[in-house]
């Protein structure tokens, strides 16, 4: 599975909309010139957008800008099939200079934010999923008009999160993407054991120093920061979804030192594992 430029099949339509269903989300780390709005109806795992890594579950609603690398990956904790609703469109879907028209001012501002990836917090509901399915089922013109109304609504939302960090600029070189994808796959398969810089550097045929520079340039973060983010996000998911002890979760996620795990969890989640789990249980009681 290699990272790639993805060519969107627009079928001569201004808006390409479809439902994906399968055993897993199997798209590799990829990018395309089209904007994308994705809603997860079923499925759990890890979401990669640019240099951002977060867990996702049902209700995950994300807007992606042009050429922003991304993928959704299921973890071993996911059970059952997956389903998502996806809208993709070219920046010129309303013709040239549409950004300058008064009617589309708010939508234009929203799509500028999309260059960093936008996660909408308040749309995780069956009602949202049903509404998106209704838009897809409409005739082409009605579908486009309903979708524009949806974008206008999203443009006014105040509770959202920009996903990539300031200064992130994706490296869209295909060879670089192939290397990053190899690294993603390696971490996914080996996160629960000791990951050595020598092994990863050899995997992509680079020296340790060259690999560290390459990774930092590609994702605007160090390789070991990436590993810790991956492990801590997975640990937080295991805290919520299993009854394992904190120490067992730490070791299962590849941490040999429990104090180091606690420090990393506090750094990335702004709480201790125990407080994190208790807050989640309280919120869902």
C-alpha atoms as a PDB file:
ATOM      1  CA  UNK A   1       0.000   0.000   0.000  1.00  0.00           C
ATOM      2  CA  UNK A   2       1.734   3.177  -1.197  1.00  0.00           C
ATOM      3  CA  UNK A   3       0.890   6.843  -0.853  1.00  0.00           C
ATOM      4  CA  UNK A   4      -0.314   8.338  -4.080  1.00  0.00           C
ATOM      5  CA  UNK A   5      -1.875  11.220  -5.901  1.00  0.00           C
ATOM      6  CA  UNK A   6      -5.553  10.330  -6.176  1.00  0.00           C
ATOM      7  CA  UNK A   7      -7.465  11.306  -9.300  1.00  0.00           C
ATOM      8  CA  UNK A   8     -11.095  12.038  -8.440  1.00  0.00           C
ATOM      9  CA  UNK A   9     -13.710  10.701 -10.847  1.00  0.00           C
ATOM     10  CA  UNK A  10     -15.994  13.719 -11.064  1.00  0.00           C
ATOM     11  CA  UNK A  11     -18.230  12.229 -13.785  1.00  0.00           C
ATOM     12  CA  UNK A  12     -18.591  15.729 -15.256  1.00  0.00           C
ATOM     13  CA  UNK A  13     -20.427  16.825 -12.096  1.00  0.00           C
ATOM     14  CA  UNK A  14     -19.621  19.912 -10.020  1.00  0.00           C
ATOM     15  CA  UNK A  15     -19.976  17.805  -6.864  1.00  0.00           C
ATOM     16  CA  UNK A  16     -18.835  14.200  -6.497  1.00  0.00           C
ATOM     17  CA  UNK A  17     -20.768  12.580  -3.624  1.00  0.00           C
ATOM     18  CA  UNK A  18     -20.821   8.946  -2.555  1.00  0.00           C
ATOM     19  CA  UNK A  19     -21.090   6.493   0.347  1.00  0.00           C
ATOM     20  CA  UNK A  20     -18.166   4.204   1.141  1.00  0.00           C
ATOM     21  CA  UNK A  21     -18.870   0.876   2.855  1.00  0.00           C
ATOM     22  CA  UNK A  22     -16.440  -1.957   3.481  1.00  0.00           C
ATOM     23  CA  UNK A  23     -14.554  -4.098   5.944  1.00  0.00           C
ATOM     24  CA  UNK A  24     -12.100  -1.273   6.667  1.00  0.00           C
ATOM     25  CA  UNK A  25     -10.967   2.158   5.510  1.00  0.00           C
ATOM     26  CA  UNK A  26      -8.250   1.005   3.128  1.00  0.00           C
ATOM     27  CA  UNK A  27      -7.288   4.236   1.332  1.00  0.00           C
ATOM     28  CA  UNK A  28      -3.551   4.940   1.739  1.00  0.00           C
ATOM     29  CA  UNK A  29      -2.066   8.241   2.855  1.00  0.00           C
ATOM     30  CA  UNK A  30      -2.926  10.325  -0.205  1.00  0.00           C
ATOM     31  CA  UNK A  31      -3.788  13.766  -1.538  1.00  0.00           C
ATOM     32  CA  UNK A  32      -5.814  15.312  -4.359  1.00  0.00           C
ATOM     33  CA  UNK A  33      -6.534  18.848  -5.629  1.00  0.00           C
ATOM     34  CA  UNK A  34     -10.215  18.553  -4.699  1.00  0.00           C
ATOM     35  CA  UNK A  35     -11.699  19.663  -1.381  1.00  0.00           C
ATOM     36  CA  UNK A  36     -13.231  16.875   0.674  1.00  0.00           C
ATOM     37  CA  UNK A  37     -15.902  16.681   3.379  1.00  0.00           C
ATOM     38  CA  UNK A  38     -16.008  13.298   5.145  1.00  0.00           C
ATOM     39  CA  UNK A  39     -18.468  12.043   7.757  1.00  0.00           C
ATOM     40  CA  UNK A  40     -17.828   8.724   9.519  1.00  0.00           C
ATOM     41  CA  UNK A  41     -21.073   6.813   9.961  1.00  0.00           C
ATOM     42  CA  UNK A  42     -19.459   3.595  11.254  1.00  0.00           C
ATOM     43  CA  UNK A  43     -15.873   2.861  12.221  1.00  0.00           C
ATOM     44  CA  UNK A  44     -13.161   3.644  14.763  1.00  0.00           C
ATOM     45  CA  UNK A  45      -9.426   4.118  14.498  1.00  0.00           C
ATOM     46  CA  UNK A  46      -6.788   6.767  13.827  1.00  0.00           C
ATOM     47  CA  UNK A  47      -7.165   9.771  11.546  1.00  0.00           C
ATOM     48  CA  UNK A  48      -4.117  11.292   9.803  1.00  0.00           C
ATOM     49  CA  UNK A  49      -4.441  14.805   8.360  1.00  0.00           C
ATOM     50  CA  UNK A  50      -1.180  16.519   7.436  1.00  0.00           C
ATOM     51  CA  UNK A  51       0.938  16.380  10.587  1.00  0.00           C
ATOM     52  CA  UNK A  52      -2.078  15.750  12.849  1.00  0.00           C
ATOM     53  CA  UNK A  53      -2.883  12.344  14.347  1.00  0.00           C
ATOM     54  CA  UNK A  54      -6.115  11.806  16.288  1.00  0.00           C
ATOM     55  CA  UNK A  55      -8.437   8.951  17.104  1.00  0.00           C
ATOM     56  CA  UNK A  56     -11.779   8.937  15.298  1.00  0.00           C
ATOM     57  CA  UNK A  57     -15.112   7.239  15.793  1.00  0.00           C
ATOM     58  CA  UNK A  58     -18.708   7.479  14.595  1.00  0.00           C
ATOM     59  CA  UNK A  59     -19.644  11.105  13.940  1.00  0.00           C
ATOM     60  CA  UNK A  60     -16.161  12.234  12.901  1.00  0.00           C
ATOM     61  CA  UNK A  61     -16.811  15.179  10.542  1.00  0.00           C
ATOM     62  CA  UNK A  62     -13.821  16.729   8.757  1.00  0.00           C
ATOM     63  CA  UNK A  63     -13.324  19.256   5.959  1.00  0.00           C
ATOM     64  CA  UNK A  64     -10.071  18.961   4.007  1.00  0.00           C
ATOM     65  CA  UNK A  65      -8.452  21.529   1.755  1.00  0.00           C
ATOM     66  CA  UNK A  66      -6.837  21.044  -1.627  1.00  0.00           C
ATOM     67  CA  UNK A  67      -3.772  18.754  -1.656  1.00  0.00           C
ATOM     68  CA  UNK A  68      -3.868  18.138   2.100  1.00  0.00           C
ATOM     69  CA  UNK A  69      -2.555  14.574   2.719  1.00  0.00           C
ATOM     70  CA  UNK A  70      -4.919  12.394   4.740  1.00  0.00           C
ATOM     71  CA  UNK A  71      -6.230   8.947   5.542  1.00  0.00           C
ATOM     72  CA  UNK A  72      -8.385   7.117   8.079  1.00  0.00           C
ATOM     73  CA  UNK A  73      -7.039   3.831   9.481  1.00  0.00           C
ATOM     74  CA  UNK A  74      -8.865   1.276  11.612  1.00  0.00           C
ATOM     75  CA  UNK A  75      -7.093  -0.079  14.685  1.00  0.00           C
ATOM     76  CA  UNK A  76      -7.192  -3.608  16.033  1.00  0.00           C
ATOM     77  CA  UNK A  77      -9.911  -2.462  18.450  1.00  0.00           C
ATOM     78  CA  UNK A  78     -12.385  -1.855  15.619  1.00  0.00           C
ATOM     79  CA  UNK A  79     -15.032  -4.556  15.131  1.00  0.00           C
ATOM     80  CA  UNK A  80     -17.458  -4.778  12.196  1.00  0.00           C
ATOM     81  CA  UNK A  81     -17.764  -2.972   8.871  1.00  0.00           C
ATOM     82  CA  UNK A  82     -17.139   0.725   8.238  1.00  0.00           C
ATOM     83  CA  UNK A  83     -19.181   3.388   6.474  1.00  0.00           C
ATOM     84  CA  UNK A  84     -18.573   7.011   5.517  1.00  0.00           C
ATOM     85  CA  UNK A  85     -20.273   9.738   3.496  1.00  0.00           C
ATOM     86  CA  UNK A  86     -17.908  11.720   1.263  1.00  0.00           C
ATOM     87  CA  UNK A  87     -18.243  14.903  -0.809  1.00  0.00           C
ATOM     88  CA  UNK A  88     -15.446  16.035  -3.130  1.00  0.00           C
ATOM     89  CA  UNK A  89     -15.314  19.121  -5.353  1.00  0.00           C
ATOM     90  CA  UNK A  90     -12.902  21.233  -7.330  1.00  0.00           C
ATOM     91  CA  UNK A  91     -12.160  24.825  -6.290  1.00  0.00           C
ATOM     92  CA  UNK A  92     -13.798  25.984  -9.539  1.00  0.00           C
ATOM     93  CA  UNK A  93     -17.023  24.030  -8.963  1.00  0.00           C
ATOM     94  CA  UNK A  94     -18.977  27.307  -9.129  1.00  0.00           C
ATOM     95  CA  UNK A  95     -16.944  28.745 -11.980  1.00  0.00           C
ATOM     96  CA  UNK A  96     -14.100  31.258 -12.006  1.00  0.00           C
ATOM     97  CA  UNK A  97     -13.944  34.115  -9.474  1.00  0.00           C
ATOM     98  CA  UNK A  98     -16.837  32.727  -7.448  1.00  0.00           C
ATOM     99  CA  UNK A  99     -14.886  33.574  -4.240  1.00  0.00           C
ATOM    100  CA  UNK A 100     -15.384  37.262  -5.010  1.00  0.00           C
ATOM    101  CA  UNK A 101     -19.178  37.042  -5.097  1.00  0.00           C
ATOM    102  CA  UNK A 102     -21.028  38.413  -2.075  1.00  0.00           C
ATOM    103  CA  UNK A 103     -23.295  35.354  -1.848  1.00  0.00           C
ATOM    104  CA  UNK A 104     -20.352  33.025  -1.243  1.00  0.00           C
ATOM    105  CA  UNK A 105     -18.265  35.179   1.097  1.00  0.00           C
ATOM    106  CA  UNK A 106     -18.725  32.979   4.198  1.00  0.00           C
ATOM    107  CA  UNK A 107     -18.164  29.759   2.259  1.00  0.00           C
ATOM    108  CA  UNK A 108     -14.974  31.230   0.801  1.00  0.00           C
ATOM    109  CA  UNK A 109     -13.679  31.945   4.321  1.00  0.00           C
ATOM    110  CA  UNK A 110     -14.528  28.388   5.384  1.00  0.00           C
ATOM    111  CA  UNK A 111     -12.593  26.871   2.497  1.00  0.00           C
ATOM    112  CA  UNK A 112      -9.538  28.959   3.404  1.00  0.00           C
ATOM    113  CA  UNK A 113      -9.612  27.331   6.845  1.00  0.00           C
ATOM    114  CA  UNK A 114      -9.826  23.949   5.129  1.00  0.00           C
ATOM    115  CA  UNK A 115      -6.171  24.256   4.089  1.00  0.00           C
ATOM    116  CA  UNK A 116      -5.360  23.165   7.677  1.00  0.00           C
ATOM    117  CA  UNK A 117      -8.182  20.628   7.938  1.00  0.00           C
ATOM    118  CA  UNK A 118     -11.281  21.459   9.990  1.00  0.00           C
ATOM    119  CA  UNK A 119     -12.844  19.095  12.535  1.00  0.00           C
ATOM    120  CA  UNK A 120     -16.435  19.970  13.469  1.00  0.00           C
ATOM    121  CA  UNK A 121     -17.242  19.014  17.065  1.00  0.00           C
ATOM    122  CA  UNK A 122     -21.002  19.466  17.176  1.00  0.00           C
ATOM    123  CA  UNK A 123     -22.250  17.344  14.264  1.00  0.00           C
ATOM    124  CA  UNK A 124     -21.823  13.865  15.730  1.00  0.00           C
ATOM    125  CA  UNK A 125     -25.392  12.627  15.449  1.00  0.00           C
ATOM    126  CA  UNK A 126     -27.611  10.296  13.486  1.00  0.00           C
ATOM    127  CA  UNK A 127     -29.504  13.378  12.296  1.00  0.00           C
ATOM    128  CA  UNK A 128     -26.378  14.670  10.537  1.00  0.00           C
ATOM    129  CA  UNK A 129     -25.754  11.309   8.869  1.00  0.00           C
ATOM    130  CA  UNK A 130     -29.362  11.159   7.639  1.00  0.00           C
ATOM    131  CA  UNK A 131     -29.149  14.699   6.290  1.00  0.00           C
ATOM    132  CA  UNK A 132     -25.995  13.923   4.309  1.00  0.00           C
ATOM    133  CA  UNK A 133     -27.567  10.791   2.871  1.00  0.00           C
ATOM    134  CA  UNK A 134     -30.594  12.844   1.820  1.00  0.00           C
ATOM    135  CA  UNK A 135     -28.313  15.310   0.008  1.00  0.00           C
ATOM    136  CA  UNK A 136     -26.625  12.484  -1.906  1.00  0.00           C
ATOM    137  CA  UNK A 137     -29.995  11.063  -2.989  1.00  0.00           C
ATOM    138  CA  UNK A 138     -31.162  14.364  -4.525  1.00  0.00           C
ATOM    139  CA  UNK A 139     -31.058  15.176  -8.230  1.00  0.00           C
ATOM    140  CA  UNK A 140     -27.790  16.888  -9.335  1.00  0.00           C
ATOM    141  CA  UNK A 141     -28.959  20.522  -9.151  1.00  0.00           C
ATOM    142  CA  UNK A 142     -30.869  20.021  -5.888  1.00  0.00           C
ATOM    143  CA  UNK A 143     -27.876  18.143  -4.490  1.00  0.00           C
ATOM    144  CA  UNK A 144     -25.557  21.051  -5.271  1.00  0.00           C
ATOM    145  CA  UNK A 145     -27.931  23.637  -3.796  1.00  0.00           C
ATOM    146  CA  UNK A 146     -28.430  21.595  -0.614  1.00  0.00           C
ATOM    147  CA  UNK A 147     -24.687  21.118  -0.310  1.00  0.00           C
ATOM    148  CA  UNK A 148     -24.072  24.867  -0.616  1.00  0.00           C
ATOM    149  CA  UNK A 149     -26.582  25.401   2.188  1.00  0.00           C
ATOM    150  CA  UNK A 150     -24.647  22.883   4.279  1.00  0.00           C
ATOM    151  CA  UNK A 151     -21.352  24.700   3.629  1.00  0.00           C
ATOM    152  CA  UNK A 152     -22.981  28.012   4.567  1.00  0.00           C
ATOM    153  CA  UNK A 153     -24.143  26.443   7.832  1.00  0.00           C
ATOM    154  CA  UNK A 154     -20.686  24.999   8.548  1.00  0.00           C
ATOM    155  CA  UNK A 155     -19.156  28.417   7.857  1.00  0.00           C
ATOM    156  CA  UNK A 156     -21.072  29.837  10.827  1.00  0.00           C
ATOM    157  CA  UNK A 157     -20.063  27.100  13.277  1.00  0.00           C
ATOM    158  CA  UNK A 158     -18.004  28.389  16.223  1.00  0.00           C
ATOM    159  CA  UNK A 159     -16.938  25.051  17.753  1.00  0.00           C
ATOM    160  CA  UNK A 160     -14.341  23.610  15.403  1.00  0.00           C
ATOM    161  CA  UNK A 161     -10.689  22.564  15.497  1.00  0.00           C
ATOM    162  CA  UNK A 162      -7.973  23.299  12.946  1.00  0.00           C
ATOM    163  CA  UNK A 163      -5.998  20.099  12.595  1.00  0.00           C
ATOM    164  CA  UNK A 164      -2.551  20.888  11.185  1.00  0.00           C
ATOM    165  CA  UNK A 165      -0.105  23.112  13.020  1.00  0.00           C
ATOM    166  CA  UNK A 166       0.960  26.584  11.924  1.00  0.00           C
ATOM    167  CA  UNK A 167       3.685  26.426   9.320  1.00  0.00           C
ATOM    168  CA  UNK A 168       2.794  22.946   8.079  1.00  0.00           C
ATOM    169  CA  UNK A 169       3.374  22.667   4.372  1.00  0.00           C
ATOM    170  CA  UNK A 170       2.781  19.208   2.890  1.00  0.00           C
ATOM    171  CA  UNK A 171       5.545  17.701   0.832  1.00  0.00           C
ATOM    172  CA  UNK A 172       3.637  16.403  -2.189  1.00  0.00           C
ATOM    173  CA  UNK A 173       6.585  14.735  -3.842  1.00  0.00           C
ATOM    174  CA  UNK A 174       5.418  11.223  -4.707  1.00  0.00           C
ATOM    175  CA  UNK A 175       8.697   9.604  -3.643  1.00  0.00           C
ATOM    176  CA  UNK A 176       8.494  11.389  -0.284  1.00  0.00           C
ATOM    177  CA  UNK A 177       4.899  10.234   0.153  1.00  0.00           C
ATOM    178  CA  UNK A 178       5.923   6.644  -0.515  1.00  0.00           C
ATOM    179  CA  UNK A 179       8.550   6.908   2.193  1.00  0.00           C
ATOM    180  CA  UNK A 180       6.144   8.454   4.708  1.00  0.00           C
ATOM    181  CA  UNK A 181       3.615   5.736   3.976  1.00  0.00           C
ATOM    182  CA  UNK A 182       6.245   3.056   4.637  1.00  0.00           C
ATOM    183  CA  UNK A 183       6.980   4.725   7.961  1.00  0.00           C
ATOM    184  CA  UNK A 184       3.253   4.883   8.847  1.00  0.00           C
ATOM    185  CA  UNK A 185       2.860   1.184   8.112  1.00  0.00           C
ATOM    186  CA  UNK A 186       5.971   0.306  10.100  1.00  0.00           C
ATOM    187  CA  UNK A 187       4.807   2.246  13.184  1.00  0.00           C
ATOM    188  CA  UNK A 188       1.327   0.755  12.906  1.00  0.00           C
ATOM    189  CA  UNK A 189       2.776  -2.767  12.954  1.00  0.00           C
ATOM    190  CA  UNK A 190       5.518  -2.152  15.548  1.00  0.00           C
ATOM    191  CA  UNK A 191       4.154   0.501  17.965  1.00  0.00           C
ATOM    192  CA  UNK A 192       4.015  -2.093  20.778  1.00  0.00           C
ATOM    193  CA  UNK A 193       7.730  -2.817  20.666  1.00  0.00           C
ATOM    194  CA  UNK A 194      10.928  -0.788  20.662  1.00  0.00           C
ATOM    195  CA  UNK A 195      11.265   1.214  17.446  1.00  0.00           C
ATOM    196  CA  UNK A 196      14.860   1.953  16.489  1.00  0.00           C
ATOM    197  CA  UNK A 197      15.871   4.867  14.322  1.00  0.00           C
ATOM    198  CA  UNK A 198      18.378   2.649  12.509  1.00  0.00           C
ATOM    199  CA  UNK A 199      15.648   0.215  11.421  1.00  0.00           C
ATOM    200  CA  UNK A 200      13.299   2.933  10.140  1.00  0.00           C
ATOM    201  CA  UNK A 201      16.092   4.771   8.328  1.00  0.00           C
ATOM    202  CA  UNK A 202      17.140   1.573   6.556  1.00  0.00           C
ATOM    203  CA  UNK A 203      13.505   0.918   5.642  1.00  0.00           C
ATOM    204  CA  UNK A 204      13.467   4.063   3.491  1.00  0.00           C
ATOM    205  CA  UNK A 205      17.116   3.755   2.386  1.00  0.00           C
ATOM    206  CA  UNK A 206      18.376   6.855   4.191  1.00  0.00           C
ATOM    207  CA  UNK A 207      20.961   7.633   6.840  1.00  0.00           C
ATOM    208  CA  UNK A 208      19.681   8.424  10.335  1.00  0.00           C
ATOM    209  CA  UNK A 209      20.514  12.105   9.985  1.00  0.00           C
ATOM    210  CA  UNK A 210      18.973  12.403   6.516  1.00  0.00           C
ATOM    211  CA  UNK A 211      15.833  10.581   7.625  1.00  0.00           C
ATOM    212  CA  UNK A 212      15.336  12.848  10.643  1.00  0.00           C
ATOM    213  CA  UNK A 213      15.670  15.953   8.437  1.00  0.00           C
ATOM    214  CA  UNK A 214      13.327  14.463   5.828  1.00  0.00           C
ATOM    215  CA  UNK A 215      10.647  13.517   8.357  1.00  0.00           C
ATOM    216  CA  UNK A 216      10.747  16.886  10.116  1.00  0.00           C
ATOM    217  CA  UNK A 217      10.497  18.691   6.782  1.00  0.00           C
ATOM    218  CA  UNK A 218       7.585  16.491   5.620  1.00  0.00           C
ATOM    219  CA  UNK A 219       5.410  16.591   8.763  1.00  0.00           C
ATOM    220  CA  UNK A 220       6.825  19.541  10.696  1.00  0.00           C
ATOM    221  CA  UNK A 221       7.526  17.310  13.701  1.00  0.00           C
ATOM    222  CA  UNK A 222      10.241  14.872  14.721  1.00  0.00           C
ATOM    223  CA  UNK A 223       9.884  11.156  14.124  1.00  0.00           C
ATOM    224  CA  UNK A 224       9.870  10.407  17.854  1.00  0.00           C
ATOM    225  CA  UNK A 225       7.166  13.023  18.450  1.00  0.00           C
ATOM    226  CA  UNK A 226       5.121  11.232  15.800  1.00  0.00           C
ATOM    227  CA  UNK A 227       5.620   7.876  17.550  1.00  0.00           C
ATOM    228  CA  UNK A 228       4.593   9.287  20.934  1.00  0.00           C
ATOM    229  CA  UNK A 229       1.487  10.931  19.468  1.00  0.00           C
ATOM    230  CA  UNK A 230       0.505   7.651  17.846  1.00  0.00           C
ATOM    231  CA  UNK A 231       1.042   5.637  21.020  1.00  0.00           C
ATOM    232  CA  UNK A 232      -0.712   8.107  23.326  1.00  0.00           C
ATOM    233  CA  UNK A 233      -3.731   8.401  21.033  1.00  0.00           C
ATOM    234  CA  UNK A 234      -3.959   4.622  20.960  1.00  0.00           C
ATOM    235  CA  UNK A 235      -3.515   4.443  24.743  1.00  0.00           C
ATOM    236  CA  UNK A 236      -6.355   6.919  25.294  1.00  0.00           C
ATOM    237  CA  UNK A 237      -8.605   4.793  23.108  1.00  0.00           C
ATOM    238  CA  UNK A 238      -7.685   1.662  25.081  1.00  0.00           C
ATOM    239  CA  UNK A 239      -8.398   3.464  28.368  1.00  0.00           C
ATOM    240  CA  UNK A 240     -11.915   4.211  27.141  1.00  0.00           C
ATOM    241  CA  UNK A 241     -12.720   0.928  25.450  1.00  0.00           C
ATOM    242  CA  UNK A 242     -11.027  -1.696  27.641  1.00  0.00           C
ATOM    243  CA  UNK A 243     -10.733  -2.539  31.330  1.00  0.00           C
ATOM    244  CA  UNK A 244      -6.971  -2.986  31.206  1.00  0.00           C
ATOM    245  CA  UNK A 245      -4.813  -1.492  33.928  1.00  0.00           C
ATOM    246  CA  UNK A 246      -2.891   1.675  33.023  1.00  0.00           C
ATOM    247  CA  UNK A 247       0.430  -0.152  33.346  1.00  0.00           C
ATOM    248  CA  UNK A 248      -0.698  -2.880  30.933  1.00  0.00           C
ATOM    249  CA  UNK A 249      -1.895  -0.290  28.395  1.00  0.00           C
ATOM    250  CA  UNK A 250       1.449   1.498  28.642  1.00  0.00           C
ATOM    251  CA  UNK A 251       3.379  -1.700  27.909  1.00  0.00           C
ATOM    252  CA  UNK A 252       0.939  -2.730  25.163  1.00  0.00           C
ATOM    253  CA  UNK A 253       1.600   0.619  23.459  1.00  0.00           C
ATOM    254  CA  UNK A 254       5.353   0.118  23.506  1.00  0.00           C
ATOM    255  CA  UNK A 255       6.387   2.060  26.621  1.00  0.00           C
ATOM    256  CA  UNK A 256       9.073   0.298  28.663  1.00  0.00           C
ATOM    257  CA  UNK A 257       9.054   2.956  31.415  1.00  0.00           C
ATOM    258  CA  UNK A 258       5.783   3.667  33.223  1.00  0.00           C
ATOM    259  CA  UNK A 259       6.919   7.111  34.531  1.00  0.00           C
ATOM    260  CA  UNK A 260       7.854   8.104  30.970  1.00  0.00           C
ATOM    261  CA  UNK A 261       4.416   6.984  29.753  1.00  0.00           C
ATOM    262  CA  UNK A 262       2.727   9.131  32.419  1.00  0.00           C
ATOM    263  CA  UNK A 263       4.789  12.160  31.380  1.00  0.00           C
ATOM    264  CA  UNK A 264       3.970  11.689  27.702  1.00  0.00           C
ATOM    265  CA  UNK A 265       0.266  11.169  28.415  1.00  0.00           C
ATOM    266  CA  UNK A 266       0.147  14.366  30.462  1.00  0.00           C
ATOM    267  CA  UNK A 267       1.975  16.226  27.687  1.00  0.00           C
ATOM    268  CA  UNK A 268      -0.342  15.195  24.855  1.00  0.00           C
ATOM    269  CA  UNK A 269      -3.683  14.769  26.676  1.00  0.00           C
ATOM    270  CA  UNK A 270      -3.303  17.458  29.374  1.00  0.00           C
ATOM    271  CA  UNK A 271      -4.326  15.020  32.103  1.00  0.00           C
ATOM    272  CA  UNK A 272      -3.224  11.812  33.776  1.00  0.00           C
ATOM    273  CA  UNK A 273      -4.555   8.497  32.394  1.00  0.00           C
ATOM    274  CA  UNK A 274      -6.742   8.023  35.484  1.00  0.00           C
ATOM    275  CA  UNK A 275      -8.287  11.498  35.252  1.00  0.00           C
ATOM    276  CA  UNK A 276      -8.765  11.105  31.496  1.00  0.00           C
ATOM    277  CA  UNK A 277     -10.729   7.880  31.948  1.00  0.00           C
ATOM    278  CA  UNK A 278     -12.801   9.167  34.870  1.00  0.00           C
ATOM    279  CA  UNK A 279     -13.757  12.316  32.934  1.00  0.00           C
ATOM    280  CA  UNK A 280     -14.837  10.217  29.959  1.00  0.00           C
ATOM    281  CA  UNK A 281     -16.923   7.896  32.134  1.00  0.00           C
ATOM    282  CA  UNK A 282     -18.526  10.866  33.889  1.00  0.00           C
ATOM    283  CA  UNK A 283     -19.337  12.526  30.563  1.00  0.00           C
ATOM    284  CA  UNK A 284     -21.013   9.367  29.281  1.00  0.00           C
ATOM    285  CA  UNK A 285     -22.798   8.297  32.469  1.00  0.00           C
END
